[in-house]
C-alpha atoms as a PDB file:
ATOM      1  CA  MET A   1      -2.881 -18.507 -11.214  1.00  0.00           C
ATOM      2  CA  ASP A   2       0.302 -17.721  -9.272  1.00  0.00           C
ATOM      3  CA  LYS A   3       0.697 -21.131  -7.567  1.00  0.00           C
ATOM      4  CA  GLN A   4       3.817 -20.371  -5.708  1.00  0.00           C
ATOM      5  CA  GLU A   5       2.444 -17.033  -4.262  1.00  0.00           C
ATOM      6  CA  LEU A   6      -0.801 -18.677  -3.521  1.00  0.00           C
ATOM      7  CA  GLY A   7       0.666 -21.284  -1.480  1.00  0.00           C
ATOM      8  CA  ALA A   8       3.037 -18.898   0.416  1.00  0.00           C
ATOM      9  CA  PHE A   9       0.000 -16.611   1.162  1.00  0.00           C
ATOM     10  CA  LEU A  10      -1.910 -19.624   2.626  1.00  0.00           C
ATOM     11  CA  ARG A  11       0.999 -20.687   4.655  1.00  0.00           C
ATOM     12  CA  SER A  12       1.398 -17.364   6.044  1.00  0.00           C
ATOM     13  CA  ARG A  13      -2.262 -16.936   7.081  1.00  0.00           C
ATOM     14  CA  ARG A  14      -2.276 -20.473   8.588  1.00  0.00           C
ATOM     15  CA  GLU A  15       0.654 -19.915  10.775  1.00  0.00           C
ATOM     16  CA  ARG A  16      -0.625 -16.765  12.359  1.00  0.00           C
ATOM     17  CA  LEU A  17      -3.821 -18.656  13.726  1.00  0.00           C
ATOM     18  CA  ARG A  18      -3.900 -20.434  17.053  1.00  0.00           C
ATOM     19  CA  PRO A  19      -6.404 -23.340  17.481  1.00  0.00           C
ATOM     20  CA  GLU A  20      -8.384 -21.394  19.940  1.00  0.00           C
ATOM     21  CA  ASP A  21      -8.841 -18.595  17.238  1.00  0.00           C
ATOM     22  CA  VAL A  22     -11.034 -21.105  15.359  1.00  0.00           C
ATOM     23  CA  GLY A  23     -12.803 -22.914  18.174  1.00  0.00           C
ATOM     24  CA  LEU A  24     -10.315 -25.864  18.320  1.00  0.00           C
ATOM     25  CA  PRO A  25      -8.738 -27.130  21.593  1.00  0.00           C
ATOM     26  CA  ALA A  26      -4.933 -26.075  21.985  1.00  0.00           C
ATOM     27  CA  GLY A  27      -3.923 -29.630  22.707  1.00  0.00           C
ATOM     28  CA  SER A  28      -0.324 -30.579  23.159  1.00  0.00           C
ATOM     29  CA  ARG A  29       2.692 -28.288  22.425  1.00  0.00           C
ATOM     30  CA  ARG A  30       2.938 -27.882  18.607  1.00  0.00           C
ATOM     31  CA  ARG A  31       6.593 -28.060  16.925  1.00  0.00           C
ATOM     32  CA  THR A  32       5.409 -25.270  14.228  1.00  0.00           C
ATOM     33  CA  PRO A  33       3.330 -22.050  14.693  1.00  0.00           C
ATOM     34  CA  GLY A  34      -0.383 -21.981  13.671  1.00  0.00           C
ATOM     35  CA  LEU A  35      -2.886 -24.506  12.832  1.00  0.00           C
ATOM     36  CA  ARG A  36      -2.179 -27.912  11.173  1.00  0.00           C
ATOM     37  CA  ARG A  37      -2.847 -28.345   7.452  1.00  0.00           C
ATOM     38  CA  GLU A  38      -5.313 -30.927   8.192  1.00  0.00           C
ATOM     39  CA  GLU A  39      -7.212 -28.694  10.653  1.00  0.00           C
ATOM     40  CA  VAL A  40      -7.535 -26.093   7.873  1.00  0.00           C
ATOM     41  CA  ALA A  41      -8.797 -28.727   5.432  1.00  0.00           C
ATOM     42  CA  VAL A  42     -11.418 -29.863   7.936  1.00  0.00           C
ATOM     43  CA  LEU A  43     -12.668 -26.298   8.701  1.00  0.00           C
ATOM     44  CA  ALA A  44     -12.666 -25.647   4.917  1.00  0.00           C
ATOM     45  CA  HIS A  45     -14.572 -28.909   4.053  1.00  0.00           C
ATOM     46  CA  ILE A  46     -11.838 -29.837   1.525  1.00  0.00           C
ATOM     47  CA  SER A  47      -9.454 -32.874   1.666  1.00  0.00           C
ATOM     48  CA  THR A  48      -6.262 -32.578   3.606  1.00  0.00           C
ATOM     49  CA  GLU A  49      -4.324 -33.734   0.390  1.00  0.00           C
ATOM     50  CA  TYR A  50      -5.883 -31.071  -1.661  1.00  0.00           C
ATOM     51  CA  TYR A  51      -5.061 -28.326   0.848  1.00  0.00           C
ATOM     52  CA  VAL A  52      -1.353 -29.567   1.231  1.00  0.00           C
ATOM     53  CA  ARG A  53      -0.890 -29.444  -2.627  1.00  0.00           C
ATOM     54  CA  LEU A  54      -2.319 -25.817  -2.537  1.00  0.00           C
ATOM     55  CA  GLU A  55       0.336 -24.723  -0.139  1.00  0.00           C
ATOM     56  CA  GLN A  56       3.006 -26.748  -2.058  1.00  0.00           C
ATOM     57  CA  GLY A  57       2.051 -24.973  -5.348  1.00  0.00           C
ATOM     58  CA  ARG A  58       0.985 -28.333  -6.967  1.00  0.00           C
ATOM     59  CA  ALA A  59      -2.712 -28.118  -7.016  1.00  0.00           C
ATOM     60  CA  PRO A  60      -4.944 -27.170 -10.121  1.00  0.00           C
ATOM     61  CA  ARG A  61      -6.918 -23.948  -9.760  1.00  0.00           C
ATOM     62  CA  PRO A  62      -9.463 -23.969  -6.954  1.00  0.00           C
ATOM     63  CA  SER A  63     -13.114 -23.258  -7.528  1.00  0.00           C
ATOM     64  CA  GLY A  64     -14.654 -20.190  -5.965  1.00  0.00           C
ATOM     65  CA  GLU A  65     -16.525 -22.390  -3.471  1.00  0.00           C
ATOM     66  CA  VAL A  66     -13.361 -23.864  -2.136  1.00  0.00           C
ATOM     67  CA  LEU A  67     -11.645 -20.483  -1.924  1.00  0.00           C
ATOM     68  CA  ALA A  68     -14.500 -19.395   0.099  1.00  0.00           C
ATOM     69  CA  GLY A  69     -14.169 -22.273   2.358  1.00  0.00           C
ATOM     70  CA  ILE A  70     -10.465 -21.620   2.745  1.00  0.00           C
ATOM     71  CA  ALA A  71     -11.017 -18.148   3.516  1.00  0.00           C
ATOM     72  CA  GLY A  72     -13.609 -18.786   6.150  1.00  0.00           C
ATOM     73  CA  ALA A  73     -11.271 -21.381   7.775  1.00  0.00           C
ATOM     74  CA  LEU A  74      -8.369 -18.996   7.826  1.00  0.00           C
ATOM     75  CA  ARG A  75     -10.534 -16.059   9.194  1.00  0.00           C
ATOM     76  CA  LEU A  76      -9.504 -13.907   6.324  1.00  0.00           C
ATOM     77  CA  THR A  77     -10.518 -10.312   6.206  1.00  0.00           C
ATOM     78  CA  ASP A  78     -12.388  -8.973   2.953  1.00  0.00           C
ATOM     79  CA  ALA A  79      -9.222  -7.572   1.485  1.00  0.00           C
ATOM     80  CA  GLU A  80      -7.124 -10.949   2.284  1.00  0.00           C
ATOM     81  CA  SER A  81      -9.992 -12.906   0.710  1.00  0.00           C
ATOM     82  CA  ASP A  82     -10.004 -10.677  -2.402  1.00  0.00           C
ATOM     83  CA  HIS A  83      -6.145 -11.204  -2.576  1.00  0.00           C
ATOM     84  CA  LEU A  84      -6.647 -14.826  -2.346  1.00  0.00           C
ATOM     85  CA  HIS A  85      -9.037 -14.849  -5.314  1.00  0.00           C
ATOM     86  CA  VAL A  86      -6.701 -12.690  -7.358  1.00  0.00           C
ATOM     87  CA  LEU A  87      -3.826 -15.131  -6.697  1.00  0.00           C
ATOM     88  CA  ALA A  88      -5.925 -17.997  -7.556  1.00  0.00           C
ATOM     89  CA  GLY A  89      -6.898 -16.387 -10.975  1.00  0.00           C
ATOM     90  CA  THR A  90     -10.725 -16.277 -10.057  1.00  0.00           C
ATOM     91  CA  ALA A  91     -10.812 -12.382  -9.933  1.00  0.00           C
ATOM     92  CA  PRO A  92     -10.265 -10.298 -12.785  1.00  0.00           C
ATOM     93  CA  ILE A  93      -7.064  -8.519 -13.343  1.00  0.00           C
ATOM     94  CA  ARG A  94      -7.575  -4.944 -14.607  1.00  0.00           C
ATOM     95  CA  SER A  95      -4.910  -4.696 -17.148  1.00  0.00           C
ATOM     96  CA  ASN A  96      -1.433  -6.066 -17.917  1.00  0.00           C
ATOM     97  CA  LEU A  97      -0.026  -2.593 -16.828  1.00  0.00           C
ATOM     98  CA  HIS A  98      -1.126  -0.110 -14.124  1.00  0.00           C
ATOM     99  CA  ARG A  99      -2.328   3.239 -15.356  1.00  0.00           C
ATOM    100  CA  ARG A 100      -0.226   6.409 -15.132  1.00  0.00           C
ATOM    101  CA  ASP A 101      -2.226   8.873 -16.971  1.00  0.00           C
ATOM    102  CA  VAL A 102      -4.375  10.982 -14.790  1.00  0.00           C
ATOM    103  CA  ARG A 103      -7.877  11.875 -15.947  1.00  0.00           C
ATOM    104  CA  PRO A 104      -8.081  15.482 -16.863  1.00  0.00           C
ATOM    105  CA  SER A 105     -10.980  16.359 -14.730  1.00  0.00           C
ATOM    106  CA  ILE A 106      -8.831  15.206 -11.729  1.00  0.00           C
ATOM    107  CA  LEU A 107      -5.933  17.338 -12.708  1.00  0.00           C
ATOM    108  CA  ALA A 108      -8.400  20.327 -12.800  1.00  0.00           C
ATOM    109  CA  LEU A 109      -9.984  19.470  -9.562  1.00  0.00           C
ATOM    110  CA  ILE A 110      -6.814  19.366  -7.487  1.00  0.00           C
ATOM    111  CA  HIS A 111      -5.864  23.028  -8.624  1.00  0.00           C
ATOM    112  CA  ARG A 112      -9.423  24.282  -7.663  1.00  0.00           C
ATOM    113  CA  LEU A 113      -9.246  22.869  -4.057  1.00  0.00           C
ATOM    114  CA  PRO A 114      -8.894  25.630  -1.538  1.00  0.00           C
ATOM    115  CA  GLN A 115      -6.334  25.305   1.203  1.00  0.00           C
ATOM    116  CA  THR A 116      -5.938  21.593   0.374  1.00  0.00           C
ATOM    117  CA  ALA A 117      -2.546  19.869  -0.676  1.00  0.00           C
ATOM    118  CA  ALA A 118      -3.565  17.125  -2.987  1.00  0.00           C
ATOM    119  CA  ILE A 119      -1.522  14.407  -4.884  1.00  0.00           C
ATOM    120  CA  VAL A 120      -2.492  11.654  -7.188  1.00  0.00           C
ATOM    121  CA  THR A 121      -0.619   8.432  -6.797  1.00  0.00           C
ATOM    122  CA  SER A 122      -0.494   5.322  -9.083  1.00  0.00           C
ATOM    123  CA  ALA A 123      -0.900   1.790  -7.894  1.00  0.00           C
ATOM    124  CA  ALA A 124       2.788   1.678  -7.597  1.00  0.00           C
ATOM    125  CA  PHE A 125       3.029   4.753  -5.283  1.00  0.00           C
ATOM    126  CA  GLU A 126       4.271   7.198  -8.295  1.00  0.00           C
ATOM    127  CA  VAL A 127       3.149  10.713  -7.669  1.00  0.00           C
ATOM    128  CA  LEU A 128       1.602  11.535 -10.917  1.00  0.00           C
ATOM    129  CA  ALA A 129       0.084  14.818 -10.241  1.00  0.00           C
ATOM    130  CA  TRP A 130       0.180  17.433  -7.414  1.00  0.00           C
ATOM    131  CA  ASN A 131      -1.007  21.023  -6.671  1.00  0.00           C
ATOM    132  CA  ASP A 132       1.087  24.025  -5.510  1.00  0.00           C
ATOM    133  CA  LEU A 133       0.333  23.452  -1.844  1.00  0.00           C
ATOM    134  CA  ALA A 134       1.347  19.900  -1.894  1.00  0.00           C
ATOM    135  CA  ALA A 135       4.651  21.011  -3.429  1.00  0.00           C
ATOM    136  CA  ALA A 136       5.183  23.428  -0.614  1.00  0.00           C
ATOM    137  CA  LEU A 137       4.172  20.969   2.025  1.00  0.00           C
ATOM    138  CA  MET A 138       6.210  17.859   0.764  1.00  0.00           C
ATOM    139  CA  GLU A 139       8.401  18.625  -2.203  1.00  0.00           C
ATOM    140  CA  ASP A 140       8.460  20.115  -5.533  1.00  0.00           C
ATOM    141  CA  TYR A 141       8.184  17.139  -7.568  1.00  0.00           C
ATOM    142  CA  ALA A 142       8.561  19.111 -10.862  1.00  0.00           C
ATOM    143  CA  GLU A 143      12.485  19.299  -9.826  1.00  0.00           C
ATOM    144  CA  LEU A 144      12.525  15.508  -9.785  1.00  0.00           C
ATOM    145  CA  ASP A 145      12.896  12.785 -12.365  1.00  0.00           C
ATOM    146  CA  PRO A 146       9.983  10.781 -12.656  1.00  0.00           C
ATOM    147  CA  ARG A 147      11.569   7.815 -11.135  1.00  0.00           C
ATOM    148  CA  ASP A 148      12.499   9.832  -8.064  1.00  0.00           C
ATOM    149  CA  ARG A 149       8.776  10.855  -7.455  1.00  0.00           C
ATOM    150  CA  ASN A 150       7.977   7.174  -6.148  1.00  0.00           C
ATOM    151  CA  LEU A 151       7.000   7.411  -2.542  1.00  0.00           C
ATOM    152  CA  ALA A 152       7.812   3.639  -1.817  1.00  0.00           C
ATOM    153  CA  ARG A 153      11.371   4.016  -3.253  1.00  0.00           C
ATOM    154  CA  LYS A 154      11.773   7.306  -1.146  1.00  0.00           C
ATOM    155  CA  ALA A 155      10.406   5.596   2.008  1.00  0.00           C
ATOM    156  CA  PHE A 156      12.809   2.584   1.671  1.00  0.00           C
ATOM    157  CA  LEU A 157      15.551   3.728  -0.395  1.00  0.00           C
ATOM    158  CA  GLY A 158      15.927   7.285   0.207  1.00  0.00           C
ATOM    159  CA  PRO A 159      19.423   8.641   1.228  1.00  0.00           C
ATOM    160  CA  ARG A 160      18.467   8.763   4.793  1.00  0.00           C
ATOM    161  CA  ALA A 161      15.539   6.400   4.802  1.00  0.00           C
ATOM    162  CA  ARG A 162      16.697   4.535   7.905  1.00  0.00           C
ATOM    163  CA  THR A 163      17.181   7.492   9.978  1.00  0.00           C
ATOM    164  CA  THR A 164      14.982  10.310   8.811  1.00  0.00           C
ATOM    165  CA  ALA A 165      11.222  10.032   8.368  1.00  0.00           C
ATOM    166  CA  LEU A 166       9.636  10.753   4.937  1.00  0.00           C
ATOM    167  CA  TYR A 167       8.988  14.426   4.721  1.00  0.00           C
ATOM    168  CA  GLY A 168       9.371  14.435   8.679  1.00  0.00           C
ATOM    169  CA  ILE A 169       6.006  12.490   8.965  1.00  0.00           C
ATOM    170  CA  SER A 170       5.355  11.174  12.361  1.00  0.00           C
ATOM    171  CA  ASP A 171       3.999   7.844  11.141  1.00  0.00           C
ATOM    172  CA  ALA A 172       6.908   6.918   9.008  1.00  0.00           C
ATOM    173  CA  ALA A 173       6.929   3.133  10.278  1.00  0.00           C
ATOM    174  CA  GLU A 174       3.226   2.948   9.684  1.00  0.00           C
ATOM    175  CA  PHE A 175       3.446   4.399   6.156  1.00  0.00           C
ATOM    176  CA  ARG A 176       6.144   1.883   5.226  1.00  0.00           C
ATOM    177  CA  LEU A 177       4.102  -1.053   6.323  1.00  0.00           C
ATOM    178  CA  HIS A 178       1.124   0.357   4.333  1.00  0.00           C
ATOM    179  CA  VAL A 179       3.484   0.577   1.315  1.00  0.00           C
ATOM    180  CA  VAL A 180       4.452  -3.103   1.670  1.00  0.00           C
ATOM    181  CA  LYS A 181       0.822  -4.148   1.871  1.00  0.00           C
ATOM    182  CA  GLU A 182      -0.466  -2.172  -0.986  1.00  0.00           C
ATOM    183  CA  LEU A 183       2.348  -3.205  -3.257  1.00  0.00           C
ATOM    184  CA  ARG A 184       1.817  -6.859  -2.515  1.00  0.00           C
ATOM    185  CA  ALA A 185      -1.942  -6.382  -3.650  1.00  0.00           C
ATOM    186  CA  THR A 186      -0.684  -4.458  -6.684  1.00  0.00           C
ATOM    187  CA  LEU A 187       1.569  -7.107  -7.736  1.00  0.00           C
ATOM    188  CA  ALA A 188      -1.163  -9.619  -7.586  1.00  0.00           C
ATOM    189  CA  ARG A 189      -3.474  -7.383  -9.842  1.00  0.00           C
ATOM    190  CA  TYR A 190      -0.599  -6.655 -12.239  1.00  0.00           C
ATOM    191  CA  PRO A 191       1.762  -9.760 -12.329  1.00  0.00           C
ATOM    192  CA  THR A 192       3.308  -9.052 -15.647  1.00  0.00           C
ATOM    193  CA  ASP A 193       3.870  -5.421 -15.203  1.00  0.00           C
ATOM    194  CA  PRO A 194       7.584  -4.633 -15.466  1.00  0.00           C
ATOM    195  CA  VAL A 195       7.610  -1.491 -13.587  1.00  0.00           C
ATOM    196  CA  VAL A 196       5.746  -3.107 -10.606  1.00  0.00           C
ATOM    197  CA  ILE A 197       7.994  -6.210 -10.780  1.00  0.00           C
ATOM    198  CA  ASP A 198      11.141  -4.303 -10.968  1.00  0.00           C
ATOM    199  CA  LEU A 199      10.102  -1.886  -8.146  1.00  0.00           C
ATOM    200  CA  VAL A 200       9.385  -4.796  -5.782  1.00  0.00           C
ATOM    201  CA  GLU A 201      12.570  -6.543  -6.748  1.00  0.00           C
ATOM    202  CA  GLU A 202      14.515  -3.262  -6.194  1.00  0.00           C
ATOM    203  CA  LEU A 203      12.861  -2.721  -2.764  1.00  0.00           C
ATOM    204  CA  ARG A 204      13.449  -6.429  -1.699  1.00  0.00           C
ATOM    205  CA  ALA A 205      17.149  -6.290  -2.679  1.00  0.00           C
ATOM    206  CA  GLY A 206      17.990  -2.701  -1.289  1.00  0.00           C
ATOM    207  CA  SER A 207      16.072  -2.705   2.022  1.00  0.00           C
ATOM    208  CA  PRO A 208      16.275  -5.249   4.616  1.00  0.00           C
ATOM    209  CA  ASP A 209      13.195  -3.764   6.256  1.00  0.00           C
ATOM    210  CA  PHE A 210      11.099  -4.029   3.165  1.00  0.00           C
ATOM    211  CA  ALA A 211      12.257  -7.622   2.617  1.00  0.00           C
ATOM    212  CA  ARG A 212      11.322  -8.550   6.176  1.00  0.00           C
ATOM    213  CA  LEU A 213       7.897  -6.966   5.828  1.00  0.00           C
ATOM    214  CA  TRP A 214       7.389  -8.453   2.322  1.00  0.00           C
ATOM    215  CA  GLU A 215       7.728 -11.996   3.774  1.00  0.00           C
ATOM    216  CA  ARG A 216       4.695 -11.452   6.111  1.00  0.00           C
ATOM    217  CA  HIS A 217       2.363 -11.561   3.082  1.00  0.00           C
ATOM    218  CA  ASP A 218       0.099  -9.036   4.701  1.00  0.00           C
ATOM    219  CA  VAL A 219      -2.247  -7.134   2.226  1.00  0.00           C
ATOM    220  CA  GLN A 220      -4.824  -5.126   4.266  1.00  0.00           C
ATOM    221  CA  SER A 221      -3.922  -1.550   5.263  1.00  0.00           C
ATOM    222  CA  ALA A 222      -5.237   0.420   8.110  1.00  0.00           C
ATOM    223  CA  PRO A 223      -6.512   3.748   6.989  1.00  0.00           C
ATOM    224  CA  MET A 224      -4.274   6.781   7.874  1.00  0.00           C
ATOM    225  CA  LEU A 225      -6.781   9.459   9.008  1.00  0.00           C
ATOM    226  CA  THR A 226      -4.170  12.148  10.260  1.00  0.00           C
ATOM    227  CA  LYS A 227      -0.627  12.838   9.569  1.00  0.00           C
ATOM    228  CA  THR A 228       1.902  15.138  11.080  1.00  0.00           C
ATOM    229  CA  PHE A 229       4.623  16.643   9.093  1.00  0.00           C
ATOM    230  CA  ASP A 230       7.830  18.279  10.575  1.00  0.00           C
ATOM    231  CA  HIS A 231       8.188  21.035   7.954  1.00  0.00           C
ATOM    232  CA  PRO A 232      11.843  22.574   7.575  1.00  0.00           C
ATOM    233  CA  VAL A 233      10.393  26.119   7.359  1.00  0.00           C
ATOM    234  CA  VAL A 234       6.960  26.212   9.287  1.00  0.00           C
ATOM    235  CA  GLY A 235       7.680  23.409  11.813  1.00  0.00           C
ATOM    236  CA  GLU A 236       5.143  20.908  12.918  1.00  0.00           C
ATOM    237  CA  ILE A 237       1.702  20.610  11.181  1.00  0.00           C
ATOM    238  CA  THR A 238      -1.010  18.106  11.684  1.00  0.00           C
ATOM    239  CA  VAL A 239      -3.540  17.614   8.972  1.00  0.00           C
ATOM    240  CA  ASP A 240      -6.297  15.331   8.026  1.00  0.00           C
ATOM    241  CA  CYS A 241      -5.410  12.663   5.463  1.00  0.00           C
ATOM    242  CA  ASP A 242      -8.187  11.475   3.024  1.00  0.00           C
ATOM    243  CA  SER A 243      -7.270   8.906   0.294  1.00  0.00           C
ATOM    244  CA  LEU A 244      -9.904   8.494  -2.428  1.00  0.00           C
ATOM    245  CA  THR A 245      -9.689   5.611  -4.844  1.00  0.00           C
ATOM    246  CA  LEU A 246     -10.154   6.627  -8.436  1.00  0.00           C
ATOM    247  CA  THR A 247     -11.442   3.063  -9.471  1.00  0.00           C
ATOM    248  CA  ASP A 248     -11.384   3.524 -13.133  1.00  0.00           C
ATOM    249  CA  ARG A 249      -7.568   3.996 -13.199  1.00  0.00           C
ATOM    250  CA  ASP A 250      -6.576   2.067 -10.027  1.00  0.00           C
ATOM    251  CA  GLN A 251      -5.141   5.670  -8.565  1.00  0.00           C
ATOM    252  CA  HIS A 252      -5.509   7.436  -5.265  1.00  0.00           C
ATOM    253  CA  LEU A 253      -6.378  11.040  -4.762  1.00  0.00           C
ATOM    254  CA  VAL A 254      -4.719  11.964  -1.492  1.00  0.00           C
ATOM    255  CA  LEU A 255      -6.048  15.140   0.199  1.00  0.00           C
ATOM    256  CA  TYR A 256      -4.344  16.899   3.110  1.00  0.00           C
ATOM    257  CA  THR A 257      -6.618  19.413   4.969  1.00  0.00           C
ATOM    258  CA  ALA A 258      -6.735  21.098   8.411  1.00  0.00           C
ATOM    259  CA  PRO A 259      -9.917  22.054  10.389  1.00  0.00           C
ATOM    260  CA  PRO A 260     -10.901  25.847   9.670  1.00  0.00           C
ATOM    261  CA  GLY A 261      -9.823  28.347  12.109  1.00  0.00           C
ATOM    262  CA  SER A 262      -7.069  25.900  13.707  1.00  0.00           C
ATOM    263  CA  ARG A 263      -3.454  26.711  13.956  1.00  0.00           C
ATOM    264  CA  ASP A 264      -2.691  23.986  11.393  1.00  0.00           C
ATOM    265  CA  ALA A 265      -5.046  25.636   8.954  1.00  0.00           C
ATOM    266  CA  GLU A 266      -3.199  28.953   9.380  1.00  0.00           C
ATOM    267  CA  THR A 267       0.087  27.041   8.678  1.00  0.00           C
ATOM    268  CA  LEU A 268      -1.246  25.653   5.582  1.00  0.00           C
ATOM    269  CA  ALA A 269      -2.382  28.998   4.578  1.00  0.00           C
ATOM    270  CA  LEU A 270       1.189  30.321   5.233  1.00  0.00           C
ATOM    271  CA  LEU A 271       2.634  27.461   3.034  1.00  0.00           C
ATOM    272  CA  ASP A 272       0.188  28.396   0.287  1.00  0.00           C
ATOM    273  CA  VAL A 273       1.596  31.877   0.155  1.00  0.00           C
ATOM    274  CA  LEU A 274       5.194  30.899   0.537  1.00  0.00           C
ATOM    275  CA  GLY A 275       4.958  28.222  -2.257  1.00  0.00           C
ATOM    276  CA  THR A 276       7.669  26.057  -3.172  1.00  0.00           C
ATOM    277  CA  GLU A 277      10.160  28.421  -1.701  1.00  0.00           C
ATOM    278  CA  ALA A 278       9.205  26.781   1.596  1.00  0.00           C
ATOM    279  CA  VAL A 279      11.008  23.628   0.691  1.00  0.00           C
ATOM    280  CA  GLY A 280      13.941  25.342  -0.637  1.00  0.00           C
ATOM    281  CA  SER A 281      13.350  25.040  -4.428  1.00  0.00           C
ATOM    282  CA  SER A 282      14.070  27.685  -6.945  1.00  0.00           C
ATOM    283  CA  GLY A 283      13.045  28.454 -10.492  1.00  0.00           C
ATOM    284  CA  PRO A 284       9.699  28.901 -12.221  1.00  0.00           C
ATOM    285  CA  PRO A 285       6.633  27.184 -10.554  1.00  0.00           C
ATOM    286  CA  PRO A 286       6.005  23.559 -11.383  1.00  0.00           C
ATOM    287  CA  PRO A 287       3.924  22.351 -14.075  1.00  0.00           C
ATOM    288  CA  ARG A 288       0.431  21.440 -13.129  1.00  0.00           C
ATOM    289  CA  GLY A 289       0.334  17.697 -13.254  1.00  0.00           C
END
């Protein structure tokens, strides 16, 4: 049970609510934002003293029933409720370390997919595997040190992270917010993983934007269904973006495709022909995976 993180999460969710959001009268002007602690306690059917101790990180582990009551009182989404249970230690943690080995069948699959750029990412946004079209669309990851293949690090700490969108994508701000939300959930699942801990600390120390977003304690990401790249060779290309969860290893298979017969499909086909030369790399083709 991470008492301090649990308290901070509860406080952040309480402060975002207005009395009218939960059917309470607004009443007189409030000195602090959000609901009062005693209001949350009444809605959750627990004592005010116990809820105060939860927010202060001084309470014993709450039961599943208590957490369900608090989740309802704070109007938590499913993702936020799951995160609450993980912080309280009532949900299983997969492992002490997140998986970074990709299943062989997935490695084979991404190289068989026609006209599809595909990457596999870890729970900490490391690019673990990719196919040739992904290398042509984004970057030849084979030319990079494994540390430099981390998309979170690229988004917030890259040489031009504050002025240039990652790979020219149109939704760079949304992607950065997605990264923060996902990393917070990842840290809750792997609270002793040094790779995850060090990455979050590095981002908090090196990026004011990351630090600001981190303090919001958000954990639910909106799906990114399309993405537009401003490619240095072929120009603007809009693709469908589908992220499939590989639950056995807590990884994601991300697929970029374009509708058949569209201009964007033709551009993807051109990139497939150009290969990694389209992003200015040289040397032999990258190893697969």
